[in-house]
Structure formats: C-alpha cells, structure tokens
Amino acid sequence: MHIAVNAHLLSPVGGYRQAGVSGYVEHLLRHMIRLNGVSRWTVYAAPGAAPDRVGATGRDVRWRQSRLPTNGPSARILWEQFAAPGLTLLDRPDVLFCPLNVVPLLAACPTVVTVHDLAFLRFKLHRPSRRNYLTAMTRISVRRAAHVITVSEFTRREVIDLLGVNPASVTAVPNGYDERLSPLPPATAEAFRREKQLPPEFLLFIGTLEPRKNLPTLLRAYAAVRDRVHMPLLIGGGKGWWFEEVFDLVKRLRIEDRVQFLGFVLAEELPLYYATATALIYPSLYEGFGLPPLEAMASGLPVITSDAGAIQEVVADAALVIPALDVAALSEALLRITSDANLRARFRGLGLVRARQFSWERAAERTLGILTAVASDSRPPRHRAPAS
C-alpha cells in the first residue's frame, strides 16, 4: 500500500510542540509511520522541513520537498491545485491525505481530508479573498474527498450540517497531546518561577489574542472579584485580530497592575508555565477541539473553561465548566478555584485521568485505518485464475 501525505503545513522549525495544524501533521505522521501495514509513504513537504522531524528516514518513506515557497499561503494554494495533481499521477499513491480542509481537485487518486473547525464560517478570521477561497474550496473538497476526518464530534456535526456532507463519510478522530507533557518535578517548576520572577500563585490564560478566545469576559469576571482573588492573571499568546480591545479593556477596568501579558509563549516554556500556574482559565467562544485545556490537564493543572464548541467533549467532568458569556459564573468559578485547595486537587486528579483518554498513537491508528480502507476500496480487484 502506498500513502501520500500533503505535509506542506509542517513547520520547518523544530521543537517538541508545534501549534495548530503543524503540530497535528507532525505528531500524526510520526506515529502513523511507526505503525505496520504500509509498504510505502510519500511525503510532500515545504522547503526546509526535515524528514527526521517525523521519523521519515527509512527506505519506505520518500520525502518530496517543493521548489515553491509553500510556507506561504499563495504558493501553497498553487501547489495544491496545480502541482499536486501531476505528482499524484507520477507517484501513483493509493490515497492522498490532506490535513487541512482542501484537497487537490484533480488528484489522480482518492483523497482524505481533515477539517479541524469551521471558524472561518463563524468568524471573520481572514481577509475577504482568503475567506472566500477557504469557504468555497472547503465546501468542494469535503464533497470531493473519499472521506472526511474531523477532530471532534462537534466539528463532525458542523461539517454535516453546514457543508451538507453524507454522515457516513465523516469520522471524528480526536487529537492527542504530546506525551512529554506531564506534571513536572517541583524543583523544576520552582527554578522556572525564579528565572521568570513569577508570583507564588497566578491564573493563566494561553491562546491567541482574538475575539474568539473571549478574553473580555475573562477580564470583566476577574475585575469583579479582584479584591477577593489574591492572584494576578497572566495572559500568554500572540496578537491575533482585533486584539486592541483586550489592552483597552484592561485599562478601562483599571486592572493593569493585576494583569500581565506574556506575549507568545515558546514551545519549550509552555509546560513550565503549566507547572507553575494555579489554574488555566480558558473561556473560549468556539473551539473545534480545544488543545490548551487538554495540555493543562495532562500537566496536572486545574482548568476553568467554557461550554462552547468541542471543549466539553475534551474535558468532560474533569474541569470547572461555565457558560461562555456568563461573567458572573466565571467570577464565581475564579473565587472557587483560588480559595479551595481541595477543589484544585480534585480537578487536578480528574484532569490527569481524563487526559489519558487522548493520545496521538490512538489518533494515528484510527486515521491510518481510514486511509487504508479508502486505499483498499480504490484498488482494482486482483485477477483470479479461472477454476479448473
């Protein structure tokens, strides 16, 4: 069996945790290549992406790097729709796996595509031209693909309801988390606390600064109980779109002395922030999966999160869940998690148990099963000699 993978979204930068789709490609591909049953792999990658990132150094893996600068969206679109069809004709894989929304419409083999979320339909995440392209191509791709994978049952239902895909052609395969995320030794956490001059206790938010992450609700809830929550709020994440409102609101609420912006948190430092924080606060308005709550639970950090999107699928009863836009409920949750050590210990234990339900190995097994089934269905039946 010969499986090809569009890995152009694999970041050329190393590190144990890559954000978003890059991390999905890296973890999934590494674990799938380890599994038995596939005789050949062809990995289409961007310039600079090294095969050893995913363990693709064996004789059964062919690494094809593009001459186009496909680290950028324009070149990647050109590759997907114009170069990829010719490559699938030349390489003749049994199936092509596309890990983000779009398949080459003229691919010379069956395709399987992953949809992580439909936030681009719900929110104005991109320029109009980019959003229109993504909307149109996703609609076409999920109908053209032999099978669609989603990372949650929530996204599966959205793909079926909003894009009109046959339910039998859509399978939810939850993400995993990096196995190196786990509770760290107290001495390691304390050394990091001293290095960064972090307070003994603090609340943590991790995520891009954008409206979808619902930071205004968090800031208003925190401001309402600032005199009773004796812990600062640390916000880690890069600037997204309409981030200015967040900084303006901090000033209007007069909590500048209680809120610290960390900027983008480096991959290698993320587990250390999880290890030193008192709780993760993640009141997002929409998530196709919700990786920070899972990572926090795997690290032994109690979580407060919202009931929006797929988050409840991930945390189940292992986190304190509040309505996404309910400021009063979030204020009450902040008071509970900061004042009750027994509650924190309870959610810490529940979170560790819940996180074990998710793994990249399990995700790889299920994804490979889908790819294998699609590839097998597309093969012509073997010739059988007539009975004598």
Protein backbone atom coordinates (compact mmCIF):
# COMPACT_ATOMS: atom_id res chain seq x y z
CA MET A 1 0.00 0.00 0.00
CA HIS A 2 1.24 3.48 -0.88
CA ILE A 3 0.02 6.51 1.09
CA ALA A 4 0.90 10.10 0.20
CA VAL A 5 0.62 13.00 2.67
CA ASN A 6 0.38 16.71 1.96
CA ALA A 7 2.70 17.89 4.76
CA HIS A 8 3.31 21.43 3.49
CA LEU A 9 1.90 22.85 6.72
CA LEU A 10 4.60 21.10 8.74
CA SER A 11 6.65 23.92 10.23
CA PRO A 12 10.36 23.85 9.30
CA VAL A 13 11.16 24.91 12.87
CA GLY A 14 11.83 22.09 15.31
CA GLY A 15 10.58 21.75 18.86
CA TYR A 16 8.54 19.25 20.80
CA ARG A 17 5.29 21.14 20.36
CA GLN A 18 4.20 22.93 17.23
CA ALA A 19 0.99 24.88 17.29
CA GLY A 20 -2.12 24.18 15.28
CA VAL A 21 -2.08 22.15 12.10
CA SER A 22 1.72 21.92 12.06
CA GLY A 23 1.61 20.01 15.33
CA TYR A 24 -1.23 17.83 14.03
CA VAL A 25 0.80 16.86 10.95
CA GLU A 26 3.99 16.28 12.93
CA HIS A 27 2.53 14.10 15.67
CA LEU A 28 0.13 12.16 13.45
CA LEU A 29 2.63 11.44 10.70
CA ARG A 30 5.35 10.36 13.11
CA HIS A 31 3.03 7.87 14.79
CA MET A 32 1.50 6.58 11.54
CA ILE A 33 4.91 5.86 10.03
CA ARG A 34 5.74 3.76 13.10
CA LEU A 35 2.72 1.54 12.55
CA ASN A 36 2.88 -1.59 10.43
CA GLY A 37 0.87 -2.29 7.30
CA VAL A 38 2.00 0.45 4.91
CA SER A 39 4.66 -0.52 2.40
CA ARG A 40 5.40 2.98 1.10
CA TRP A 41 4.94 6.61 2.11
CA THR A 42 5.40 9.72 0.01
CA VAL A 43 5.51 12.96 1.99
CA TYR A 44 5.11 16.25 0.14
CA ALA A 45 6.78 18.96 2.22
CA ALA A 46 7.71 22.63 2.15
CA PRO A 47 11.30 23.84 1.74
CA GLY A 48 13.23 23.50 4.97
CA ALA A 49 11.04 20.83 6.58
CA ALA A 50 13.33 17.98 7.58
CA PRO A 51 12.25 14.31 7.35
CA ASP A 52 13.77 13.44 10.72
CA ARG A 53 11.13 15.69 12.34
CA VAL A 54 8.61 12.91 11.83
CA GLY A 55 10.93 9.90 11.73
CA ALA A 56 10.65 9.71 7.94
CA THR A 57 14.18 8.46 7.34
CA GLY A 58 13.55 4.83 6.42
CA ARG A 59 13.74 3.33 2.96
CA ASP A 60 9.94 3.07 2.81
CA VAL A 61 9.44 6.85 3.09
CA ARG A 62 10.06 9.18 0.16
CA TRP A 63 10.41 12.85 1.13
CA ARG A 64 9.49 15.26 -1.68
CA GLN A 65 10.30 18.90 -0.96
CA SER A 66 8.68 21.52 -3.13
CA ARG A 67 10.69 24.08 -5.10
CA LEU A 68 7.87 26.54 -4.48
CA PRO A 69 7.96 28.63 -1.27
CA THR A 70 4.94 26.78 0.11
CA ASN A 71 5.49 28.07 3.64
CA GLY A 72 3.33 30.97 2.40
CA PRO A 73 -0.39 30.56 1.57
CA SER A 74 -0.28 31.77 -2.05
CA ALA A 75 2.42 29.31 -3.13
CA ARG A 76 0.76 26.55 -1.12
CA ILE A 77 -2.53 27.10 -2.95
CA LEU A 78 -0.71 26.92 -6.29
CA TRP A 79 0.99 23.70 -5.23
CA GLU A 80 -2.26 22.12 -4.03
CA GLN A 81 -4.25 22.76 -7.17
CA PHE A 82 -1.61 22.70 -9.92
CA ALA A 83 1.46 20.74 -8.80
CA ALA A 84 -0.18 18.09 -6.61
CA PRO A 85 -2.38 16.55 -9.36
CA GLY A 86 0.67 15.93 -11.53
CA LEU A 87 2.64 14.49 -8.62
CA THR A 88 -0.14 12.06 -7.71
CA LEU A 89 -0.23 10.98 -11.36
CA LEU A 90 3.54 10.48 -11.35
CA ASP A 91 3.88 8.84 -7.91
CA ARG A 92 0.61 6.88 -8.14
CA PRO A 93 -0.26 6.63 -4.41
CA ASP A 94 -3.32 4.63 -3.40
CA VAL A 95 -4.61 7.60 -1.34
CA LEU A 96 -3.60 11.20 -0.59
CA PHE A 97 -4.06 12.52 2.96
CA CYS A 98 -4.69 16.28 3.21
CA PRO A 99 -4.61 17.57 6.82
CA LEU A 100 -6.37 20.93 6.41
CA ASN A 101 -9.70 21.46 4.64
CA VAL A 102 -8.61 21.43 0.99
CA VAL A 103 -7.78 18.62 -1.45
CA PRO A 104 -6.32 18.90 -4.96
CA LEU A 105 -9.49 18.79 -7.02
CA LEU A 106 -7.80 16.96 -9.91
CA ALA A 107 -5.83 14.49 -7.80
CA ALA A 108 -5.16 11.22 -9.62
CA CYS A 109 -6.08 9.16 -6.53
CA PRO A 110 -8.72 9.17 -3.79
CA THR A 111 -8.27 11.79 -1.07
CA VAL A 112 -8.97 12.02 2.66
CA VAL A 113 -9.20 15.48 4.24
CA THR A 114 -9.20 16.69 7.85
CA VAL A 115 -11.39 19.59 8.98
CA HIS A 116 -10.31 20.99 12.35
CA ASP A 117 -13.08 23.56 12.70
CA LEU A 118 -15.32 25.85 10.68
CA ALA A 119 -14.33 29.04 12.49
CA PHE A 120 -13.83 30.77 9.14
CA LEU A 121 -17.58 30.42 8.57
CA ARG A 122 -18.44 31.65 12.06
CA PHE A 123 -15.94 34.50 12.40
CA LYS A 124 -14.16 36.93 10.09
CA LEU A 125 -10.76 35.37 10.57
CA HIS A 126 -9.19 36.25 7.23
CA ARG A 127 -9.20 38.86 4.51
CA PRO A 128 -12.34 38.54 2.32
CA SER A 129 -10.42 36.97 -0.58
CA ARG A 130 -8.80 34.34 1.64
CA ARG A 131 -12.06 33.64 3.48
CA ASN A 132 -13.99 33.27 0.21
CA TYR A 133 -11.37 30.88 -1.16
CA LEU A 134 -11.31 28.79 2.01
CA THR A 135 -15.11 28.65 2.18
CA ALA A 136 -15.55 27.65 -1.45
CA MET A 137 -12.69 25.14 -1.53
CA THR A 138 -13.66 23.52 1.76
CA ARG A 139 -17.23 23.03 0.54
CA ILE A 140 -16.00 21.43 -2.66
CA SER A 141 -13.23 19.41 -1.02
CA VAL A 142 -15.33 17.73 1.67
CA ARG A 143 -17.73 16.54 -1.03
CA ARG A 144 -14.97 15.51 -3.43
CA ALA A 145 -12.94 13.62 -0.80
CA ALA A 146 -13.49 9.90 -0.33
CA HIS A 147 -13.66 10.51 3.44
CA VAL A 148 -13.58 13.43 5.86
CA ILE A 149 -11.88 13.34 9.26
CA THR A 150 -12.79 15.84 12.00
CA VAL A 151 -11.03 16.30 15.32
CA SER A 152 -14.22 16.25 17.38
CA GLU A 153 -17.83 15.16 17.22
CA PHE A 154 -18.80 18.83 17.40
CA THR A 155 -16.91 19.61 14.19
CA ARG A 156 -18.27 16.43 12.62
CA ARG A 157 -21.82 17.68 13.17
CA GLU A 158 -20.90 21.10 11.77
CA VAL A 159 -19.40 19.56 8.63
CA ILE A 160 -22.55 17.53 8.11
CA ASP A 161 -25.00 20.35 8.88
CA LEU A 162 -23.21 23.35 7.37
CA LEU A 163 -21.47 21.72 4.43
CA GLY A 164 -24.02 19.06 3.54
CA VAL A 165 -21.72 16.04 3.73
CA ASN A 166 -23.07 12.49 3.97
CA PRO A 167 -22.75 11.47 7.66
CA ALA A 168 -21.35 8.09 6.64
CA SER A 169 -18.39 9.87 5.02
CA VAL A 170 -17.33 11.80 8.15
CA THR A 171 -15.45 10.33 11.13
CA ALA A 172 -14.38 12.11 14.31
CA VAL A 173 -10.82 11.26 15.38
CA PRO A 174 -9.81 13.30 18.46
CA ASN A 175 -6.38 14.86 18.73
CA GLY A 176 -3.76 13.72 21.18
CA TYR A 177 -1.29 15.68 23.26
CA ASP A 178 2.47 15.45 23.31
CA GLU A 179 3.49 12.61 25.61
CA ARG A 180 6.22 14.80 27.10
CA LEU A 181 3.57 16.98 28.70
CA SER A 182 3.20 15.70 32.25
CA PRO A 183 3.47 17.03 35.81
CA LEU A 184 6.99 18.35 36.33
CA PRO A 185 9.09 17.93 39.47
CA PRO A 186 8.52 20.75 41.98
CA ALA A 187 12.19 21.71 41.84
CA THR A 188 11.98 22.23 38.05
CA ALA A 189 8.88 24.37 38.39
CA GLU A 190 10.42 26.42 41.21
CA ALA A 191 13.59 27.07 39.21
CA PHE A 192 11.48 28.38 36.32
CA ARG A 193 9.44 30.52 38.70
CA ARG A 194 12.61 32.16 40.00
CA GLU A 195 14.05 32.59 36.50
CA LYS A 196 10.92 34.37 35.21
CA GLN A 197 10.24 36.12 38.54
CA LEU A 198 6.73 34.69 38.61
CA PRO A 199 4.47 35.15 41.64
CA PRO A 200 3.91 32.20 44.01
CA GLU A 201 0.37 31.77 42.64
CA PHE A 202 -1.23 33.04 39.45
CA LEU A 203 -4.03 32.36 37.00
CA LEU A 204 -3.04 31.56 33.42
CA PHE A 205 -4.61 32.02 30.00
CA ILE A 206 -2.98 30.54 26.90
CA GLY A 207 -4.24 31.37 23.42
CA THR A 208 -4.14 33.87 20.59
CA LEU A 209 -5.45 37.33 21.44
CA GLU A 210 -8.57 37.43 19.26
CA PRO A 211 -12.33 37.81 19.85
CA ARG A 212 -12.97 34.06 19.58
CA LYS A 213 -10.99 33.45 22.78
CA ASN A 214 -13.44 35.59 24.78
CA LEU A 215 -10.86 37.50 26.80
CA PRO A 216 -13.24 40.44 27.53
CA THR A 217 -15.47 38.09 29.55
CA LEU A 218 -12.44 36.84 31.47
CA LEU A 219 -11.18 40.35 32.18
CA ARG A 220 -14.61 41.57 33.37
CA ALA A 221 -15.04 38.50 35.57
CA TYR A 222 -11.57 38.94 37.04
CA ALA A 223 -12.11 42.66 37.65
CA ALA A 224 -15.35 41.94 39.51
CA VAL A 225 -13.54 39.80 42.11
CA ARG A 226 -10.04 41.30 42.05
CA ASP A 227 -10.25 42.25 45.74
CA ARG A 228 -11.01 38.65 46.70
CA VAL A 229 -8.79 36.81 44.21
CA HIS A 230 -5.30 37.37 45.54
CA MET A 231 -3.57 36.12 42.40
CA PRO A 232 -2.54 38.00 39.26
CA LEU A 233 -3.74 36.98 35.82
CA LEU A 234 -1.05 36.11 33.26
CA ILE A 235 -2.10 36.09 29.61
CA GLY A 236 0.11 34.20 27.17
CA GLY A 237 -0.43 34.36 23.43
CA GLY A 238 0.43 36.18 20.25
CA LYS A 239 -1.59 39.08 18.89
CA GLY A 240 -4.33 37.93 16.53
CA TRP A 241 -7.06 40.10 15.07
CA TRP A 242 -8.92 42.89 16.94
CA PHE A 243 -6.55 42.34 19.86
CA GLU A 244 -6.54 46.06 20.71
CA GLU A 245 -9.82 45.70 22.59
CA VAL A 246 -8.13 43.46 25.14
CA PHE A 247 -5.47 46.02 26.07
CA ASP A 248 -8.02 48.85 26.10
CA LEU A 249 -10.34 46.92 28.40
CA VAL A 250 -7.55 46.23 30.90
CA LYS A 251 -7.05 49.99 31.19
CA ARG A 252 -10.77 50.79 31.42
CA LEU A 253 -11.22 48.20 34.18
CA ARG A 254 -8.15 49.57 35.98
CA ILE A 255 -6.53 46.20 36.43
CA GLU A 256 -3.18 46.99 34.77
CA ASP A 257 -1.37 46.17 37.99
CA ARG A 258 -3.06 42.73 38.19
CA VAL A 259 -2.82 41.57 34.56
CA GLN A 260 0.45 40.69 32.83
CA PHE A 261 0.82 39.95 29.11
CA LEU A 262 3.47 37.33 28.39
CA GLY A 263 3.36 37.56 24.60
CA PHE A 264 3.75 34.41 22.55
CA VAL A 265 4.81 31.54 24.82
CA LEU A 266 7.68 29.49 23.44
CA ALA A 267 7.06 25.80 22.95
CA GLU A 268 9.74 24.73 25.39
CA GLU A 269 8.39 27.07 28.10
CA LEU A 270 4.74 26.10 27.86
CA PRO A 271 4.97 23.04 30.17
CA LEU A 272 6.81 25.19 32.72
CA TYR A 273 4.03 27.77 32.78
CA TYR A 274 1.52 24.95 33.22
CA ALA A 275 3.65 23.61 36.08
CA THR A 276 3.86 26.94 37.93
CA ALA A 277 0.30 28.25 37.44
CA THR A 278 -2.55 27.75 39.89
CA ALA A 279 -5.21 27.17 37.22
CA LEU A 280 -5.78 27.58 33.48
CA ILE A 281 -8.68 29.85 32.55
CA TYR A 282 -9.95 29.22 29.00
CA PRO A 283 -13.39 30.77 28.32
CA SER A 284 -13.32 30.42 24.51
CA LEU A 285 -16.42 31.13 22.43
CA TYR A 286 -15.67 28.47 19.80
CA GLU A 287 -13.28 25.54 19.52
CA GLY A 288 -13.10 22.69 17.06
CA PHE A 289 -11.19 20.77 19.73
CA GLY A 290 -9.54 22.85 22.48
CA LEU A 291 -5.91 21.84 22.95
CA PRO A 292 -4.85 24.13 25.86
CA PRO A 293 -7.35 22.58 28.33
CA LEU A 294 -6.13 19.10 27.34
CA GLU A 295 -2.49 20.10 27.69
CA ALA A 296 -3.18 21.70 31.06
CA MET A 297 -4.98 18.60 32.34
CA ALA A 298 -2.12 16.39 31.14
CA SER A 299 0.26 18.67 33.06
CA GLY A 300 -1.73 18.38 36.29
CA LEU A 301 -3.16 21.90 36.13
CA PRO A 302 -6.81 22.52 37.16
CA VAL A 303 -8.92 24.05 34.38
CA ILE A 304 -11.81 26.51 34.19
CA THR A 305 -13.30 26.56 30.71
CA SER A 306 -16.47 27.27 28.77
CA ASP A 307 -19.24 25.09 27.40
CA ALA A 308 -18.64 26.30 23.82
CA GLY A 309 -17.84 24.18 20.79
CA ALA A 310 -15.98 20.94 21.38
CA ILE A 311 -14.40 21.85 24.71
CA GLN A 312 -16.80 19.79 26.82
CA GLU A 313 -16.00 16.74 24.69
CA VAL A 314 -12.39 17.18 25.72
CA VAL A 315 -12.73 17.98 29.43
CA ALA A 316 -15.93 16.05 30.28
CA ASP A 317 -16.33 16.34 34.08
CA ALA A 318 -12.61 16.96 34.70
CA ALA A 319 -12.83 20.77 34.61
CA LEU A 320 -14.96 23.55 36.02
CA VAL A 321 -17.23 24.42 33.06
CA ILE A 322 -19.19 27.69 32.84
CA PRO A 323 -21.42 29.30 30.17
CA ALA A 324 -19.10 31.10 27.75
CA LEU A 325 -20.53 34.62 28.13
CA ASP A 326 -21.62 34.47 31.77
CA VAL A 327 -19.42 36.98 33.60
CA ALA A 328 -20.98 36.25 37.00
CA ALA A 329 -20.50 32.49 36.62
CA LEU A 330 -16.86 32.95 35.66
CA SER A 331 -16.30 35.29 38.62
CA GLU A 332 -17.74 32.67 40.94
CA ALA A 333 -15.56 29.98 39.35
CA LEU A 334 -12.45 32.14 39.86
CA LEU A 335 -13.31 32.54 43.52
CA ARG A 336 -13.86 28.82 43.96
CA ILE A 337 -10.68 27.69 42.23
CA THR A 338 -8.45 30.21 44.02
CA SER A 339 -9.87 29.73 47.52
CA ASP A 340 -10.37 25.96 47.65
CA ALA A 341 -7.22 23.84 47.61
CA ASN A 342 -9.29 20.65 47.86
CA LEU A 343 -11.22 21.62 44.71
CA ARG A 344 -7.97 22.24 42.86
CA ALA A 345 -6.64 18.86 43.97
CA ARG A 346 -9.85 17.18 42.83
CA PHE A 347 -9.73 18.68 39.35
CA ARG A 348 -6.01 18.02 39.13
CA GLY A 349 -6.63 14.31 39.65
CA LEU A 350 -9.66 14.18 37.37
CA GLY A 351 -7.76 16.04 34.68
CA LEU A 352 -4.83 13.64 34.69
CA VAL A 353 -7.19 10.69 34.31
CA ARG A 354 -9.19 12.39 31.56
CA ALA A 355 -6.09 13.37 29.57
CA ARG A 356 -5.07 9.72 29.30
CA GLN A 357 -8.10 9.16 27.06
CA PHE A 358 -6.33 11.13 24.31
CA SER A 359 -3.14 10.12 22.56
CA TRP A 360 -1.50 10.66 19.18
CA GLU A 361 -0.87 6.92 18.95
CA ARG A 362 -4.61 6.24 19.15
CA ALA A 363 -5.35 9.05 16.69
CA ALA A 364 -2.74 7.65 14.29
CA GLU A 365 -4.22 4.15 14.45
CA ARG A 366 -7.70 5.40 13.64
CA THR A 367 -6.51 7.75 10.90
CA LEU A 368 -4.41 5.05 9.29
CA GLY A 369 -7.41 2.73 9.41
CA ILE A 370 -9.45 5.25 7.42
CA LEU A 371 -6.66 5.81 4.90
CA THR A 372 -6.19 2.07 4.48
CA ALA A 373 -9.92 1.50 3.94
CA VAL A 374 -10.11 4.25 1.30
CA ALA A 375 -6.99 2.97 -0.45
CA SER A 376 -8.30 -0.60 -0.47
CA ASP A 377 -11.65 0.47 -1.91
CA SER A 378 -9.90 2.29 -4.76
CA ARG A 379 -7.70 -0.61 -5.83
CA PRO A 380 -8.81 -2.71 -8.78
CA PRO A 381 -9.66 -6.29 -7.83
CA ARG A 382 -6.83 -8.75 -8.27
CA HIS A 383 -7.06 -11.12 -11.22
CA ARG A 384 -8.03 -14.60 -10.26
CA ALA A 385 -7.32 -17.59 -12.44
CA PRO A 386 -10.47 -19.40 -13.54
CA ALA A 387 -11.31 -22.54 -11.65
CA SER A 388 -10.18 -25.68 -13.37
